[in-house]
Structure formats: C-alpha cells, structure tokens
Amino acid sequence: MNQCPTCGGKKESVVFVNTGLDSSGHYTEIQKCGRCLGAGYVSQEIIDDIERGKQLRADRVAKGLTLREAAKSEGVTVATISQRENGNFKK
C-alpha cells in the first residue's frame, strides 16, 4: 500500500462545502479523506489512476482544449472529464 497523496496519510483532508447558489454559506471543514476513505493509504491501482489522470490533463492542455470543449467532443459532462483528470475512474 502507498501513502494517500490527497491527505498525506493523515486520514483527513480539508474540503470545500458548497451550500448552494448563495456563496455566503459556503465553508471549509476537515473531513475523512475521500480518496483513501480515512485509511491513510491507497492501492497501487489508485496511484496509477492518478498518474493516468495527470497524463489525460496534460494531453488535453497540449491540444489547447478546455474542459468544456473536451467534454463536448467526447459526449460527456465537464464533471466526467474533471473526475478522470483527477484520477477517479469508475470501475
């Protein structure tokens, strides 16, 4: 197992909480790490997915594409492209 790159093995991370359209209610808080689910470590597969996501982002940027343009060309949402680039691939 590898130390979680999101929380650095601390099992928690600072997250931004969006409370809706009125930004006055937004806040940050410490929560159980969403990447390692509070374990402090991740598998090699997750590390590989993170690296794959970094490469996808580098490729998109090299092509001069925005997230929106990449999403439109692939027929997916911007959120899907962003998730992939952050190493979150649905299995």
C-alpha atoms as a PDB file:
ATOM      1  CA  MET A   1       0.000   0.000   0.000  1.00  0.00           C
ATOM      2  CA  ASN A   2       1.015   3.590  -0.663  1.00  0.00           C
ATOM      3  CA  GLN A   3       0.537   6.705   1.421  1.00  0.00           C
ATOM      4  CA  CYS A   4      -2.548   8.574   0.242  1.00  0.00           C
ATOM      5  CA  PRO A   5      -1.449  11.510  -1.939  1.00  0.00           C
ATOM      6  CA  THR A   6      -4.550  13.534  -1.023  1.00  0.00           C
ATOM      7  CA  CYS A   7      -4.256  13.525   2.768  1.00  0.00           C
ATOM      8  CA  GLY A   8      -0.591  12.566   3.049  1.00  0.00           C
ATOM      9  CA  GLY A   9      -1.502   9.645   5.298  1.00  0.00           C
ATOM     10  CA  LYS A  10      -3.308  11.871   7.823  1.00  0.00           C
ATOM     11  CA  LYS A  11      -6.660  10.193   7.061  1.00  0.00           C
ATOM     12  CA  GLU A  12      -8.390  13.597   6.832  1.00  0.00           C
ATOM     13  CA  SER A  13      -8.364  16.482   4.386  1.00  0.00           C
ATOM     14  CA  VAL A  14      -9.776  19.977   4.111  1.00  0.00           C
ATOM     15  CA  VAL A  15     -12.831  20.070   1.871  1.00  0.00           C
ATOM     16  CA  PHE A  16     -14.862  22.926   0.410  1.00  0.00           C
ATOM     17  CA  VAL A  17     -18.567  22.672   1.153  1.00  0.00           C
ATOM     18  CA  ASN A  18     -20.796  24.344  -1.422  1.00  0.00           C
ATOM     19  CA  THR A  19     -24.141  25.176   0.186  1.00  0.00           C
ATOM     20  CA  GLY A  20     -25.910  26.308  -2.963  1.00  0.00           C
ATOM     21  CA  LEU A  21     -26.260  29.404  -5.090  1.00  0.00           C
ATOM     22  CA  ASP A  22     -25.706  31.851  -2.225  1.00  0.00           C
ATOM     23  CA  SER A  23     -21.958  31.708  -1.671  1.00  0.00           C
ATOM     24  CA  SER A  24     -22.238  33.378   1.730  1.00  0.00           C
ATOM     25  CA  GLY A  25     -22.960  29.968   3.245  1.00  0.00           C
ATOM     26  CA  HIS A  26     -20.002  28.131   1.682  1.00  0.00           C
ATOM     27  CA  TYR A  27     -17.313  26.941   4.071  1.00  0.00           C
ATOM     28  CA  THR A  28     -14.369  24.593   4.501  1.00  0.00           C
ATOM     29  CA  GLU A  29     -14.043  21.836   7.047  1.00  0.00           C
ATOM     30  CA  ILE A  30     -11.912  18.827   7.848  1.00  0.00           C
ATOM     31  CA  GLN A  31     -13.479  15.538   6.797  1.00  0.00           C
ATOM     32  CA  LYS A  32     -12.413  11.941   6.386  1.00  0.00           C
ATOM     33  CA  CYS A  33     -10.298  11.804   3.242  1.00  0.00           C
ATOM     34  CA  GLY A  34     -12.414  10.994   0.203  1.00  0.00           C
ATOM     35  CA  ARG A  35      -9.564   9.344  -1.688  1.00  0.00           C
ATOM     36  CA  CYS A  36      -8.451   6.785   0.916  1.00  0.00           C
ATOM     37  CA  LEU A  37     -11.756   6.805   2.850  1.00  0.00           C
ATOM     38  CA  GLY A  38      -9.893   7.545   6.060  1.00  0.00           C
ATOM     39  CA  ALA A  39      -7.378   4.723   5.806  1.00  0.00           C
ATOM     40  CA  GLY A  40      -4.329   6.929   5.134  1.00  0.00           C
ATOM     41  CA  TYR A  41      -3.130   4.660   2.352  1.00  0.00           C
ATOM     42  CA  VAL A  42      -4.220   3.635  -1.142  1.00  0.00           C
ATOM     43  CA  SER A  43      -3.516   0.776  -3.528  1.00  0.00           C
ATOM     44  CA  GLN A  44      -1.079   0.947  -6.407  1.00  0.00           C
ATOM     45  CA  GLU A  45      -4.096   0.895  -8.729  1.00  0.00           C
ATOM     46  CA  ILE A  46      -5.273   4.230  -7.309  1.00  0.00           C
ATOM     47  CA  ILE A  47      -1.781   5.712  -7.661  1.00  0.00           C
ATOM     48  CA  ASP A  48      -1.745   4.508 -11.287  1.00  0.00           C
ATOM     49  CA  ASP A  49      -5.187   6.079 -11.896  1.00  0.00           C
ATOM     50  CA  ILE A  50      -3.944   9.402 -10.514  1.00  0.00           C
ATOM     51  CA  GLU A  51      -0.951   9.314 -12.863  1.00  0.00           C
ATOM     52  CA  ARG A  52      -3.210   8.368 -15.781  1.00  0.00           C
ATOM     53  CA  GLY A  53      -5.449  11.333 -14.949  1.00  0.00           C
ATOM     54  CA  LYS A  54      -2.461  13.686 -14.882  1.00  0.00           C
ATOM     55  CA  GLN A  55      -1.485  12.446 -18.340  1.00  0.00           C
ATOM     56  CA  LEU A  56      -5.025  12.949 -19.657  1.00  0.00           C
ATOM     57  CA  ARG A  57      -4.969  16.551 -18.401  1.00  0.00           C
ATOM     58  CA  ALA A  58      -1.539  17.167 -19.929  1.00  0.00           C
ATOM     59  CA  ASP A  59      -2.754  15.771 -23.265  1.00  0.00           C
ATOM     60  CA  ARG A  60      -5.892  17.951 -23.212  1.00  0.00           C
ATOM     61  CA  VAL A  61      -3.924  21.072 -22.336  1.00  0.00           C
ATOM     62  CA  ALA A  62      -1.329  20.297 -25.043  1.00  0.00           C
ATOM     63  CA  LYS A  63      -4.185  20.176 -27.562  1.00  0.00           C
ATOM     64  CA  GLY A  64      -5.376  23.559 -26.332  1.00  0.00           C
ATOM     65  CA  LEU A  65      -8.770  22.210 -25.251  1.00  0.00           C
ATOM     66  CA  THR A  66     -10.821  23.494 -22.339  1.00  0.00           C
ATOM     67  CA  LEU A  67     -12.693  21.077 -20.096  1.00  0.00           C
ATOM     68  CA  ARG A  68     -15.906  22.113 -21.809  1.00  0.00           C
ATOM     69  CA  GLU A  69     -14.503  21.520 -25.300  1.00  0.00           C
ATOM     70  CA  ALA A  70     -13.098  18.113 -24.333  1.00  0.00           C
ATOM     71  CA  ALA A  71     -16.402  17.097 -22.761  1.00  0.00           C
ATOM     72  CA  LYS A  72     -18.370  18.153 -25.819  1.00  0.00           C
ATOM     73  CA  SER A  73     -16.067  16.252 -28.188  1.00  0.00           C
ATOM     74  CA  GLU A  74     -16.378  13.080 -26.077  1.00  0.00           C
ATOM     75  CA  GLY A  75     -20.100  13.445 -25.470  1.00  0.00           C
ATOM     76  CA  VAL A  76     -19.744  13.501 -21.686  1.00  0.00           C
ATOM     77  CA  THR A  77     -20.133  16.129 -18.968  1.00  0.00           C
ATOM     78  CA  VAL A  78     -17.425  18.514 -17.792  1.00  0.00           C
ATOM     79  CA  ALA A  79     -17.665  16.776 -14.422  1.00  0.00           C
ATOM     80  CA  THR A  80     -16.780  13.445 -16.046  1.00  0.00           C
ATOM     81  CA  ILE A  81     -13.667  14.893 -17.687  1.00  0.00           C
ATOM     82  CA  SER A  82     -12.657  16.544 -14.415  1.00  0.00           C
ATOM     83  CA  GLN A  83     -13.150  13.313 -12.451  1.00  0.00           C
ATOM     84  CA  ARG A  84     -10.999  11.383 -14.933  1.00  0.00           C
ATOM     85  CA  GLU A  85      -8.261  14.003 -14.806  1.00  0.00           C
ATOM     86  CA  ASN A  86      -8.286  13.756 -11.021  1.00  0.00           C
ATOM     87  CA  GLY A  87      -7.773  10.004 -11.248  1.00  0.00           C
ATOM     88  CA  ASN A  88     -11.320   8.971 -10.440  1.00  0.00           C
ATOM     89  CA  PHE A  89     -12.217   6.301 -12.964  1.00  0.00           C
ATOM     90  CA  LYS A  90     -15.417   4.384 -12.433  1.00  0.00           C
ATOM     91  CA  LYS A  91     -14.719   0.679 -12.410  1.00  0.00           C
END
